[in-house]
Amino acid sequence: MNEEVLQNMSRALRHLVFRNGIVEELHSEGRCLDNETMKILNKDINNRMYTYLAVCFGGDEIELEKLDKTINYLAKYYGNDWDKAEKMKILMDL
């Protein structure tokens, strides 16, 4: 997968899963996220998503193995008591 596609996917995912929801509401209402904090969060989240996508769609075997181990570890120890994820209709209708 080429670089431009990965960059676009990363930015789109950041908006879908982070910006266009409760985080944006909190920011726009000035409740807890100022502009500087949002800038830092956006950069960090975009970099994390890009890294994940780059490994999934273009990583070598070692990177894919490390990603698989990381995902399995995180799934085993974090968020097990959270509600299961559900598809959001608004995201599916874009």
N, C-alpha and C. Protein backbone atom coordinates (compact mmCIF):
# COMPACT_ATOMS: atom_id res chain seq x y z
N MET A 1 0.85 -1.17 0.00
CA MET A 1 0.00 0.00 0.00
C MET A 1 0.90 1.23 0.00
N ASN A 2 0.54 2.22 -0.79
CA ASN A 2 1.45 3.36 -0.90
C ASN A 2 1.28 4.36 0.25
N GLU A 3 2.27 5.21 0.39
CA GLU A 3 2.35 6.17 1.49
C GLU A 3 1.14 7.09 1.56
N GLU A 4 0.70 7.59 0.44
CA GLU A 4 -0.44 8.53 0.42
C GLU A 4 -1.71 7.87 0.95
N VAL A 5 -1.95 6.63 0.57
CA VAL A 5 -3.13 5.90 1.05
C VAL A 5 -3.04 5.71 2.55
N LEU A 6 -1.88 5.32 3.06
CA LEU A 6 -1.71 5.14 4.51
C LEU A 6 -1.93 6.44 5.26
N GLN A 7 -1.39 7.54 4.75
CA GLN A 7 -1.58 8.84 5.39
C GLN A 7 -3.07 9.21 5.41
N ASN A 8 -3.75 9.02 4.29
CA ASN A 8 -5.18 9.33 4.22
C ASN A 8 -6.00 8.47 5.16
N MET A 9 -5.68 7.18 5.21
CA MET A 9 -6.40 6.29 6.12
C MET A 9 -6.19 6.70 7.57
N SER A 10 -4.98 7.05 7.91
CA SER A 10 -4.67 7.46 9.28
C SER A 10 -5.46 8.70 9.67
N ARG A 11 -5.46 9.69 8.80
CA ARG A 11 -6.20 10.93 9.09
C ARG A 11 -7.70 10.66 9.18
N ALA A 12 -8.22 9.86 8.27
CA ALA A 12 -9.65 9.56 8.27
C ALA A 12 -10.05 8.81 9.55
N LEU A 13 -9.25 7.83 9.93
CA LEU A 13 -9.54 7.10 11.16
C LEU A 13 -9.48 7.99 12.39
N ARG A 14 -8.50 8.90 12.42
CA ARG A 14 -8.41 9.82 13.54
C ARG A 14 -9.71 10.61 13.68
N HIS A 15 -10.22 11.09 12.57
CA HIS A 15 -11.47 11.85 12.62
C HIS A 15 -12.65 10.97 13.01
N LEU A 16 -12.73 9.79 12.44
CA LEU A 16 -13.86 8.91 12.73
C LEU A 16 -13.88 8.43 14.18
N VAL A 17 -12.73 8.05 14.70
CA VAL A 17 -12.72 7.43 16.03
C VAL A 17 -12.36 8.39 17.16
N PHE A 18 -11.83 9.55 16.83
CA PHE A 18 -11.38 10.44 17.89
C PHE A 18 -12.05 11.80 17.81
N ARG A 19 -11.84 12.51 16.74
CA ARG A 19 -12.26 13.90 16.66
C ARG A 19 -13.77 14.09 16.54
N ASN A 20 -14.43 13.32 15.73
CA ASN A 20 -15.84 13.56 15.44
C ASN A 20 -16.77 12.89 16.44
N GLY A 21 -16.53 13.12 17.68
CA GLY A 21 -17.36 12.52 18.73
C GLY A 21 -17.29 13.36 19.99
N ILE A 22 -17.31 12.68 21.10
CA ILE A 22 -17.34 13.35 22.40
C ILE A 22 -16.10 14.21 22.63
N VAL A 23 -14.97 13.79 22.09
CA VAL A 23 -13.74 14.57 22.26
C VAL A 23 -13.90 15.95 21.63
N GLU A 24 -14.46 15.99 20.43
CA GLU A 24 -14.66 17.28 19.76
C GLU A 24 -15.66 18.14 20.53
N GLU A 25 -16.69 17.51 21.07
CA GLU A 25 -17.66 18.26 21.88
C GLU A 25 -16.98 18.88 23.10
N LEU A 26 -16.18 18.11 23.79
CA LEU A 26 -15.47 18.63 24.96
C LEU A 26 -14.54 19.78 24.58
N HIS A 27 -13.86 19.62 23.45
CA HIS A 27 -12.95 20.65 22.99
C HIS A 27 -13.70 21.92 22.59
N SER A 28 -14.73 21.78 21.78
CA SER A 28 -15.44 22.96 21.28
C SER A 28 -16.17 23.70 22.39
N GLU A 29 -16.56 22.98 23.42
CA GLU A 29 -17.22 23.62 24.57
C GLU A 29 -16.21 24.16 25.56
N GLY A 30 -14.95 23.91 25.33
CA GLY A 30 -13.90 24.41 26.21
C GLY A 30 -13.91 23.80 27.60
N ARG A 31 -14.45 22.59 27.72
CA ARG A 31 -14.60 21.99 29.04
C ARG A 31 -13.32 21.43 29.61
N CYS A 32 -12.51 20.79 28.79
CA CYS A 32 -11.29 20.21 29.37
C CYS A 32 -10.14 20.08 28.39
N LEU A 33 -10.34 20.39 27.14
CA LEU A 33 -9.29 20.22 26.15
C LEU A 33 -9.03 21.53 25.42
N ASP A 34 -7.94 22.18 25.76
CA ASP A 34 -7.61 23.43 25.08
C ASP A 34 -6.96 23.13 23.73
N ASN A 35 -6.73 24.15 22.93
CA ASN A 35 -6.19 23.96 21.58
C ASN A 35 -4.83 23.28 21.59
N GLU A 36 -3.96 23.65 22.50
CA GLU A 36 -2.62 23.05 22.55
C GLU A 36 -2.71 21.56 22.89
N THR A 37 -3.58 21.21 23.84
CA THR A 37 -3.76 19.80 24.20
C THR A 37 -4.31 19.01 23.02
N MET A 38 -5.28 19.59 22.30
CA MET A 38 -5.86 18.92 21.13
C MET A 38 -4.80 18.70 20.06
N LYS A 39 -3.93 19.67 19.88
CA LYS A 39 -2.87 19.55 18.88
C LYS A 39 -1.94 18.38 19.23
N ILE A 40 -1.59 18.27 20.49
CA ILE A 40 -0.73 17.18 20.97
C ILE A 40 -1.43 15.84 20.81
N LEU A 41 -2.69 15.77 21.21
CA LEU A 41 -3.45 14.53 21.09
C LEU A 41 -3.62 14.10 19.64
N ASN A 42 -3.96 15.05 18.78
CA ASN A 42 -4.14 14.73 17.36
C ASN A 42 -2.87 14.15 16.75
N LYS A 43 -1.75 14.75 17.03
CA LYS A 43 -0.47 14.28 16.49
C LYS A 43 -0.16 12.88 17.00
N ASP A 44 -0.32 12.67 18.29
CA ASP A 44 -0.02 11.37 18.89
C ASP A 44 -0.93 10.28 18.32
N ILE A 45 -2.21 10.55 18.25
CA ILE A 45 -3.16 9.56 17.76
C ILE A 45 -2.92 9.27 16.28
N ASN A 46 -2.67 10.31 15.50
CA ASN A 46 -2.40 10.11 14.08
C ASN A 46 -1.15 9.26 13.88
N ASN A 47 -0.10 9.53 14.64
CA ASN A 47 1.14 8.74 14.54
C ASN A 47 0.91 7.28 14.93
N ARG A 48 0.13 7.05 15.97
CA ARG A 48 -0.16 5.69 16.41
C ARG A 48 -0.97 4.93 15.36
N MET A 49 -1.98 5.59 14.82
CA MET A 49 -2.80 4.94 13.79
C MET A 49 -1.99 4.67 12.53
N TYR A 50 -1.17 5.64 12.14
CA TYR A 50 -0.33 5.45 10.96
C TYR A 50 0.62 4.26 11.15
N THR A 51 1.24 4.18 12.32
CA THR A 51 2.16 3.07 12.59
C THR A 51 1.43 1.74 12.51
N TYR A 52 0.26 1.67 13.12
CA TYR A 52 -0.54 0.44 13.08
C TYR A 52 -0.88 0.06 11.63
N LEU A 53 -1.38 1.02 10.87
CA LEU A 53 -1.75 0.76 9.48
C LEU A 53 -0.54 0.38 8.63
N ALA A 54 0.57 1.09 8.83
CA ALA A 54 1.78 0.80 8.06
C ALA A 54 2.26 -0.62 8.29
N VAL A 55 2.18 -1.08 9.53
CA VAL A 55 2.59 -2.45 9.83
C VAL A 55 1.57 -3.45 9.28
N CYS A 56 0.28 -3.17 9.46
CA CYS A 56 -0.75 -4.09 8.96
C CYS A 56 -0.68 -4.26 7.45
N PHE A 57 -0.48 -3.16 6.75
CA PHE A 57 -0.57 -3.20 5.29
C PHE A 57 0.78 -3.19 4.58
N GLY A 58 1.87 -3.07 5.32
CA GLY A 58 3.15 -3.03 4.63
C GLY A 58 4.31 -3.49 5.47
N GLY A 59 4.02 -4.02 6.63
CA GLY A 59 5.09 -4.43 7.51
C GLY A 59 5.74 -5.73 7.08
N ASP A 60 6.95 -5.90 7.53
CA ASP A 60 7.61 -7.17 7.24
C ASP A 60 7.14 -8.21 8.27
N GLU A 61 7.60 -9.42 8.12
CA GLU A 61 7.14 -10.51 8.96
C GLU A 61 7.41 -10.27 10.44
N ILE A 62 8.57 -9.71 10.75
CA ILE A 62 8.93 -9.44 12.15
C ILE A 62 8.00 -8.39 12.75
N GLU A 63 7.74 -7.31 11.99
CA GLU A 63 6.83 -6.27 12.49
C GLU A 63 5.43 -6.83 12.70
N LEU A 64 4.96 -7.66 11.77
CA LEU A 64 3.62 -8.25 11.90
C LEU A 64 3.54 -9.16 13.12
N GLU A 65 4.59 -9.92 13.37
CA GLU A 65 4.61 -10.79 14.56
C GLU A 65 4.58 -9.96 15.84
N LYS A 66 5.36 -8.88 15.88
CA LYS A 66 5.37 -8.01 17.05
C LYS A 66 3.99 -7.37 17.25
N LEU A 67 3.38 -6.92 16.16
CA LEU A 67 2.05 -6.31 16.26
C LEU A 67 1.04 -7.33 16.76
N ASP A 68 1.10 -8.55 16.26
CA ASP A 68 0.19 -9.60 16.70
C ASP A 68 0.34 -9.87 18.20
N LYS A 69 1.59 -9.95 18.66
CA LYS A 69 1.84 -10.17 20.09
C LYS A 69 1.31 -9.00 20.92
N THR A 70 1.52 -7.78 20.44
CA THR A 70 1.06 -6.60 21.16
C THR A 70 -0.47 -6.59 21.26
N ILE A 71 -1.13 -6.84 20.14
CA ILE A 71 -2.60 -6.85 20.12
C ILE A 71 -3.13 -7.93 21.05
N ASN A 72 -2.57 -9.12 21.00
CA ASN A 72 -3.02 -10.20 21.88
C ASN A 72 -2.79 -9.87 23.35
N TYR A 73 -1.66 -9.27 23.66
CA TYR A 73 -1.37 -8.88 25.04
C TYR A 73 -2.39 -7.84 25.52
N LEU A 74 -2.59 -6.80 24.72
CA LEU A 74 -3.52 -5.75 25.10
C LEU A 74 -4.94 -6.29 25.25
N ALA A 75 -5.36 -7.16 24.34
CA ALA A 75 -6.70 -7.73 24.41
C ALA A 75 -6.88 -8.61 25.64
N LYS A 76 -5.80 -9.24 26.05
CA LYS A 76 -5.88 -10.15 27.21
C LYS A 76 -5.96 -9.39 28.53
N TYR A 77 -5.23 -8.28 28.65
CA TYR A 77 -5.09 -7.61 29.94
C TYR A 77 -5.83 -6.29 30.08
N TYR A 78 -6.28 -5.70 28.99
CA TYR A 78 -6.90 -4.38 29.09
C TYR A 78 -8.27 -4.37 28.43
N GLY A 79 -9.23 -3.77 29.12
CA GLY A 79 -10.54 -3.55 28.54
C GLY A 79 -11.47 -4.75 28.55
N ASN A 80 -11.07 -5.82 29.23
CA ASN A 80 -11.93 -7.01 29.24
C ASN A 80 -13.27 -6.77 29.93
N ASP A 81 -13.32 -5.80 30.82
CA ASP A 81 -14.56 -5.52 31.52
C ASP A 81 -15.36 -4.38 30.86
N TRP A 82 -14.91 -3.92 29.71
CA TRP A 82 -15.62 -2.88 28.98
C TRP A 82 -16.77 -3.49 28.20
N ASP A 83 -17.73 -2.66 27.83
CA ASP A 83 -18.80 -3.11 26.94
C ASP A 83 -18.20 -3.48 25.59
N LYS A 84 -18.83 -4.44 24.91
CA LYS A 84 -18.37 -4.80 23.57
C LYS A 84 -18.62 -3.64 22.62
N ALA A 85 -17.76 -3.50 21.65
CA ALA A 85 -17.90 -2.44 20.65
C ALA A 85 -19.12 -2.70 19.77
N GLU A 86 -19.73 -1.62 19.34
CA GLU A 86 -20.88 -1.70 18.45
C GLU A 86 -20.64 -0.80 17.25
N LYS A 87 -21.19 -1.16 16.10
CA LYS A 87 -21.10 -0.29 14.93
C LYS A 87 -21.98 0.92 15.16
N MET A 88 -21.45 2.07 14.80
CA MET A 88 -22.22 3.31 14.91
C MET A 88 -22.84 3.59 13.55
N LYS A 89 -24.15 3.72 13.53
CA LYS A 89 -24.88 3.93 12.27
C LYS A 89 -24.34 5.12 11.50
N ILE A 90 -24.06 6.21 12.16
CA ILE A 90 -23.59 7.42 11.47
C ILE A 90 -22.31 7.17 10.70
N LEU A 91 -21.42 6.34 11.23
CA LEU A 91 -20.17 6.05 10.53
C LEU A 91 -20.39 5.14 9.34
N MET A 92 -21.38 4.29 9.43
CA MET A 92 -21.66 3.35 8.35
C MET A 92 -22.41 4.01 7.20
N ASP A 93 -22.99 5.18 7.44
CA ASP A 93 -23.79 5.87 6.42
C ASP A 93 -23.03 6.96 5.68
N LEU A 94 -21.76 7.12 5.93
CA LEU A 94 -21.01 8.18 5.26
C LEU A 94 -20.82 7.91 3.79
